[in-house]
N, C-alpha and C. Protein backbone atom coordinates (compact mmCIF):
# COMPACT_ATOMS: atom_id res chain seq x y z
N UNK A 1 12.26 29.05 32.57
CA UNK A 1 11.56 28.00 31.67
C UNK A 1 10.36 27.74 32.25
N UNK A 2 9.44 27.22 31.51
CA UNK A 2 7.98 26.69 31.79
C UNK A 2 7.87 25.20 32.00
N UNK A 3 7.10 24.84 32.85
CA UNK A 3 6.95 23.24 33.20
C UNK A 3 6.42 22.85 31.75
N UNK A 4 6.99 21.72 31.70
CA UNK A 4 6.62 20.83 30.44
C UNK A 4 5.95 19.49 30.72
N UNK A 5 5.20 18.98 29.62
CA UNK A 5 4.39 17.51 29.58
C UNK A 5 4.85 17.15 28.47
N UNK A 6 4.90 15.70 28.09
CA UNK A 6 4.95 14.84 26.99
C UNK A 6 3.92 13.59 27.03
N UNK A 7 3.55 13.33 25.89
CA UNK A 7 3.18 11.98 25.75
C UNK A 7 4.26 11.27 24.96
N UNK A 8 5.09 10.42 25.60
CA UNK A 8 6.47 9.89 25.13
C UNK A 8 6.24 8.84 24.21
N UNK A 9 5.33 8.25 24.11
CA UNK A 9 4.85 7.42 22.85
C UNK A 9 4.75 8.22 21.62
N UNK A 10 4.42 9.23 21.70
CA UNK A 10 4.22 9.98 20.25
C UNK A 10 5.42 10.59 19.88
N UNK A 11 6.47 10.64 20.70
CA UNK A 11 7.88 11.01 20.22
C UNK A 11 8.51 10.07 19.79
N UNK A 12 8.28 8.81 19.93
CA UNK A 12 9.28 7.95 19.33
C UNK A 12 9.38 7.59 17.98
N UNK A 13 10.51 8.01 17.38
CA UNK A 13 10.87 7.72 15.93
C UNK A 13 12.17 7.23 16.00
N UNK A 14 12.26 6.35 14.98
CA UNK A 14 13.51 5.51 14.64
C UNK A 14 14.02 6.01 13.42
N UNK A 15 15.32 5.76 13.24
CA UNK A 15 16.04 6.46 11.97
C UNK A 15 16.96 5.20 11.58
N UNK A 16 16.89 4.78 10.21
CA UNK A 16 17.80 3.88 9.74
C UNK A 16 19.36 4.47 9.67
N UNK A 17 19.57 5.66 9.68
CA UNK A 17 20.87 6.30 9.76
C UNK A 17 21.70 5.81 10.97
N UNK A 18 20.75 5.88 12.12
CA UNK A 18 21.64 5.76 13.33
C UNK A 18 20.57 6.18 14.38
N UNK A 19 21.09 6.00 15.64
CA UNK A 19 20.05 6.20 17.05
C UNK A 19 19.70 7.57 16.65
N UNK A 20 18.53 7.83 16.77
CA UNK A 20 17.59 8.99 16.83
C UNK A 20 17.51 9.64 18.05
N UNK A 21 17.90 11.01 18.32
CA UNK A 21 17.72 11.76 19.70
C UNK A 21 16.85 12.89 19.37
N UNK A 22 16.00 12.86 20.57
CA UNK A 22 14.97 14.07 20.72
C UNK A 22 15.33 14.72 21.95
N UNK A 23 15.82 15.95 21.96
CA UNK A 23 16.05 16.60 23.32
C UNK A 23 14.81 17.25 23.68
N UNK A 24 14.28 16.80 25.04
CA UNK A 24 13.23 17.36 25.52
C UNK A 24 13.41 18.55 26.50
N UNK A 25 14.62 18.53 27.32
CA UNK A 25 15.01 19.66 27.99
C UNK A 25 16.42 19.96 27.78
N UNK A 26 17.05 21.02 27.75
CA UNK A 26 18.27 21.66 27.42
C UNK A 26 18.40 22.92 28.57
N UNK A 27 18.38 22.88 29.68
CA UNK A 27 18.62 23.80 30.68
C UNK A 27 20.00 23.69 31.28
N UNK A 28 20.43 24.94 31.87
CA UNK A 28 21.56 25.05 32.72
C UNK A 28 22.03 24.00 33.63
N UNK A 29 21.19 23.58 34.40
CA UNK A 29 21.37 22.67 35.26
C UNK A 29 20.85 20.83 34.90
N UNK A 30 19.97 21.00 33.83
CA UNK A 30 19.52 19.50 33.51
C UNK A 30 19.33 19.37 32.02
N UNK A 31 19.34 18.37 31.57
CA UNK A 31 18.99 17.99 30.30
C UNK A 31 18.39 16.59 30.37
N UNK A 32 17.48 16.52 29.08
CA UNK A 32 16.66 15.02 29.11
C UNK A 32 16.50 15.19 27.58
N UNK A 33 16.69 13.59 27.18
CA UNK A 33 16.72 13.20 25.91
C UNK A 33 15.94 11.91 25.60
N UNK A 34 15.34 11.83 24.66
CA UNK A 34 14.69 10.56 24.34
C UNK A 34 15.60 9.78 23.15
N UNK A 35 16.19 8.82 23.28
CA UNK A 35 17.02 8.01 22.43
C UNK A 35 16.24 6.90 21.90
N UNK A 36 16.12 6.67 20.45
CA UNK A 36 15.45 5.69 19.80
C UNK A 36 16.38 4.57 19.06
N UNK A 37 16.70 3.52 19.14
CA UNK A 37 17.79 2.73 18.55
C UNK A 37 17.01 1.64 17.83
N UNK A 38 17.40 1.33 16.55
CA UNK A 38 16.87 0.05 15.98
C UNK A 38 17.87 -0.97 16.31
N UNK A 39 17.36 -2.14 16.31
CA UNK A 39 18.14 -3.20 16.42
C UNK A 39 19.59 -3.17 15.84
N UNK A 40 20.64 -3.51 16.45
CA UNK A 40 22.14 -3.30 15.95
C UNK A 40 22.63 -1.99 16.06
N UNK A 41 21.96 -0.77 16.24
CA UNK A 41 22.42 0.50 16.41
C UNK A 41 23.01 0.50 17.82
N UNK A 42 24.05 1.54 17.90
CA UNK A 42 24.95 1.46 19.14
C UNK A 42 24.99 3.03 19.38
N UNK A 43 25.54 3.49 20.71
CA UNK A 43 26.11 4.52 21.13
C UNK A 43 27.53 4.17 21.31
N UNK A 44 28.51 4.89 20.88
CA UNK A 44 29.96 4.21 21.38
C UNK A 44 30.24 4.49 22.84
N UNK A 45 31.31 4.03 23.31
CA UNK A 45 31.66 4.55 24.60
C UNK A 45 31.85 5.70 24.76
N UNK A 46 31.25 6.39 25.77
CA UNK A 46 31.49 7.91 25.99
C UNK A 46 31.33 8.26 27.61
N UNK A 47 31.87 9.34 28.08
CA UNK A 47 31.71 9.66 29.57
C UNK A 47 30.34 10.14 29.78
N UNK A 48 29.71 10.24 30.95
CA UNK A 48 28.87 10.62 31.51
C UNK A 48 28.94 12.18 31.52
N UNK A 49 28.23 13.06 30.99
CA UNK A 49 28.47 14.37 30.92
C UNK A 49 28.09 15.07 32.36
N UNK A 50 27.47 14.54 33.17
CA UNK A 50 26.90 14.84 34.57
C UNK A 50 26.25 13.63 35.23
N UNK A 51 25.70 13.94 36.45
CA UNK A 51 25.01 12.77 37.14
C UNK A 51 23.80 12.43 35.95
N UNK A 52 24.02 11.10 35.41
CA UNK A 52 23.00 10.69 34.31
C UNK A 52 22.37 9.62 34.91
N UNK A 53 21.12 9.81 34.50
CA UNK A 53 20.14 8.57 34.63
C UNK A 53 19.61 8.26 33.34
N UNK A 54 19.85 6.72 33.09
CA UNK A 54 19.51 5.95 31.86
C UNK A 54 18.41 4.97 32.16
N UNK A 55 17.24 5.39 31.61
CA UNK A 55 15.89 4.35 31.97
C UNK A 55 15.64 4.04 30.66
N UNK A 56 15.50 2.38 30.52
CA UNK A 56 15.02 1.83 29.41
C UNK A 56 13.57 1.57 29.49
N UNK A 57 13.03 2.42 28.46
CA UNK A 57 11.55 2.50 28.26
C UNK A 57 11.07 1.42 27.59
N UNK A 58 11.81 0.86 26.55
CA UNK A 58 11.22 -0.16 25.75
C UNK A 58 12.46 -1.15 25.11
N UNK A 59 12.40 -2.41 24.85
CA UNK A 59 13.40 -2.93 23.91
C UNK A 59 14.29 -3.80 24.83
N UNK A 60 15.29 -4.06 24.30
CA UNK A 60 16.42 -4.91 24.86
C UNK A 60 17.94 -4.25 24.33
N UNK A 61 18.71 -4.05 25.45
CA UNK A 61 19.92 -3.43 25.05
C UNK A 61 21.11 -4.06 25.70
N UNK A 62 22.10 -4.18 25.14
CA UNK A 62 23.57 -4.51 25.79
C UNK A 62 24.03 -3.17 26.37
N UNK A 63 24.21 -2.94 27.72
CA UNK A 63 24.52 -1.81 28.42
C UNK A 63 26.10 -1.91 29.03
N UNK A 64 27.03 -1.33 28.47
CA UNK A 64 28.44 -1.62 29.07
C UNK A 64 28.72 -0.35 29.96
N UNK A 65 29.26 -0.68 31.09
CA UNK A 65 29.55 0.31 32.12
C UNK A 65 30.54 -0.35 32.71
N UNK A 66 31.08 0.54 34.05
CA UNK A 66 32.42 -0.32 34.55
C UNK A 66 32.03 -1.45 35.35
N UNK A 67 30.96 -1.91 35.47
CA UNK A 67 30.59 -3.11 36.21
C UNK A 67 30.53 -4.30 35.33
N UNK A 68 30.71 -4.03 34.01
CA UNK A 68 30.65 -4.94 32.93
C UNK A 68 29.50 -4.55 32.02
N UNK A 69 29.12 -5.65 31.21
CA UNK A 69 28.13 -5.63 30.01
C UNK A 69 27.08 -6.43 30.64
N UNK A 70 25.86 -5.66 30.42
CA UNK A 70 24.64 -6.32 30.96
C UNK A 70 23.43 -6.36 29.89
N UNK A 71 22.85 -7.44 29.84
CA UNK A 71 21.60 -7.24 28.81
C UNK A 71 20.30 -6.96 29.58
N UNK A 72 19.87 -5.72 29.09
CA UNK A 72 18.79 -5.12 30.16
C UNK A 72 17.54 -4.87 29.23
N UNK A 73 16.33 -4.82 29.99
CA UNK A 73 15.21 -4.38 29.12
C UNK A 73 14.32 -3.34 29.90
N UNK A 74 13.02 -3.15 29.56
CA UNK A 74 12.33 -2.44 29.93
C UNK A 74 12.21 -2.23 31.59
N UNK A 75 12.30 -0.99 31.80
CA UNK A 75 12.33 -0.95 33.42
C UNK A 75 13.81 -0.64 33.96
N UNK A 76 14.84 -1.10 33.33
CA UNK A 76 16.17 -0.94 33.90
C UNK A 76 16.55 0.65 33.95
N UNK A 77 17.00 0.68 35.14
CA UNK A 77 17.44 2.25 35.43
C UNK A 77 18.81 2.35 35.97
N UNK A 78 19.62 3.12 35.45
CA UNK A 78 21.10 3.36 35.60
C UNK A 78 21.30 4.56 36.11
N UNK A 79 22.19 4.71 37.30
CA UNK A 79 22.60 5.95 37.71
C UNK A 79 24.26 6.02 37.32
N UNK A 80 24.70 7.20 36.61
CA UNK A 80 25.97 7.15 36.40
C UNK A 80 26.57 8.40 36.80
N UNK A 81 27.68 8.28 37.63
CA UNK A 81 28.23 9.61 37.95
C UNK A 81 28.97 10.32 37.05
N UNK A 82 29.31 11.69 37.23
CA UNK A 82 30.06 12.26 36.15
C UNK A 82 31.20 11.64 35.45
N UNK A 83 31.52 11.42 34.31
CA UNK A 83 32.75 10.97 33.84
C UNK A 83 32.59 9.23 33.52
N UNK A 84 31.75 8.83 33.96
CA UNK A 84 31.49 7.06 33.91
C UNK A 84 31.30 6.97 32.44
N UNK A 85 32.18 6.17 32.00
CA UNK A 85 32.17 5.61 30.73
C UNK A 85 30.93 4.62 30.36
N UNK A 86 30.40 4.53 29.49
CA UNK A 86 29.34 3.68 29.08
C UNK A 86 29.16 3.71 27.73
N UNK A 87 28.43 2.53 27.24
CA UNK A 87 27.81 2.55 25.89
C UNK A 87 26.55 1.63 25.84
N UNK A 88 26.08 1.66 24.72
CA UNK A 88 24.57 1.08 24.63
C UNK A 88 24.71 0.53 23.09
N UNK A 89 24.04 -0.87 23.06
CA UNK A 89 23.92 -1.51 21.80
C UNK A 89 22.39 -2.19 21.88
N UNK A 90 21.43 -1.84 20.80
CA UNK A 90 20.19 -2.27 20.97
C UNK A 90 20.05 -3.63 20.25
N UNK A 91 19.78 -4.59 21.08
CA UNK A 91 19.71 -6.06 20.82
C UNK A 91 18.23 -6.15 20.06
N UNK A 92 17.30 -5.22 20.22
CA UNK A 92 16.11 -5.33 19.86
C UNK A 92 15.61 -3.63 19.71
N UNK A 93 14.73 -3.27 18.88
CA UNK A 93 14.37 -1.75 18.69
C UNK A 93 13.92 -1.40 20.23
N UNK A 94 14.67 -0.25 20.66
CA UNK A 94 14.85 0.10 22.03
C UNK A 94 14.58 1.85 22.23
N UNK A 95 13.82 2.21 23.11
CA UNK A 95 13.87 3.66 23.45
C UNK A 95 14.34 3.77 24.86
N UNK A 96 15.10 4.84 25.15
CA UNK A 96 15.85 5.08 26.25
C UNK A 96 15.53 6.44 26.69
N UNK A 97 15.28 6.84 27.88
CA UNK A 97 15.19 8.30 28.54
C UNK A 97 16.50 8.56 29.19
N UNK A 98 17.29 9.39 28.68
CA UNK A 98 18.53 9.95 29.46
C UNK A 98 18.25 11.33 30.04
N UNK A 99 18.65 11.30 31.38
CA UNK A 99 18.41 12.59 32.00
C UNK A 99 19.64 12.92 32.69
N UNK A 100 20.08 14.18 32.65
CA UNK A 100 21.55 14.64 33.15
C UNK A 100 21.38 15.86 33.95
N UNK A 101 21.87 15.64 35.16
CA UNK A 101 21.75 16.83 36.13
C UNK A 101 23.29 17.41 35.95
N UNK A 102 23.66 18.52 35.95
CA UNK A 102 25.11 19.18 35.94
C UNK A 102 25.67 18.99 37.42
N UNK A 103 26.88 18.76 37.35
CA UNK A 103 27.39 18.63 38.88
C UNK A 103 27.40 19.83 39.41
N UNK A 104 27.22 19.97 40.71
CA UNK A 104 27.26 20.99 41.64
C UNK A 104 28.57 21.74 41.49
N UNK A 105 28.42 23.07 41.12
CA UNK A 105 29.54 23.96 41.17
C UNK A 105 30.15 24.28 42.44
N UNK A 106 31.43 24.55 42.57
CA UNK A 106 31.98 24.84 43.95
C UNK A 106 31.38 26.25 44.55
N UNK A 107 31.34 26.36 45.70
CA UNK A 107 31.01 27.55 46.30
C UNK A 107 29.90 27.48 46.99
């Protein structure tokens, strides 16, 4: 895979149908996606598929995870170990960058 660069602002697109996802990287050991949520849209509770970093780039979200539900905004960064349940609900139009690294393989 070649090195890549993005202008994230140019990739932001919202959808009235639900959260809009744009996959930036889908490699064996890592994935990255930009998720754009209109106010009121949500991602239902799901487990982190690997070592996940959730970075709020803009907006305001209710972020539910094992430590409770928190209202967070631009600049919030979460680390979720594999399998950690979490959900997102947009309190305002929001953009989130999710990066997932695959768990280490035994051996």
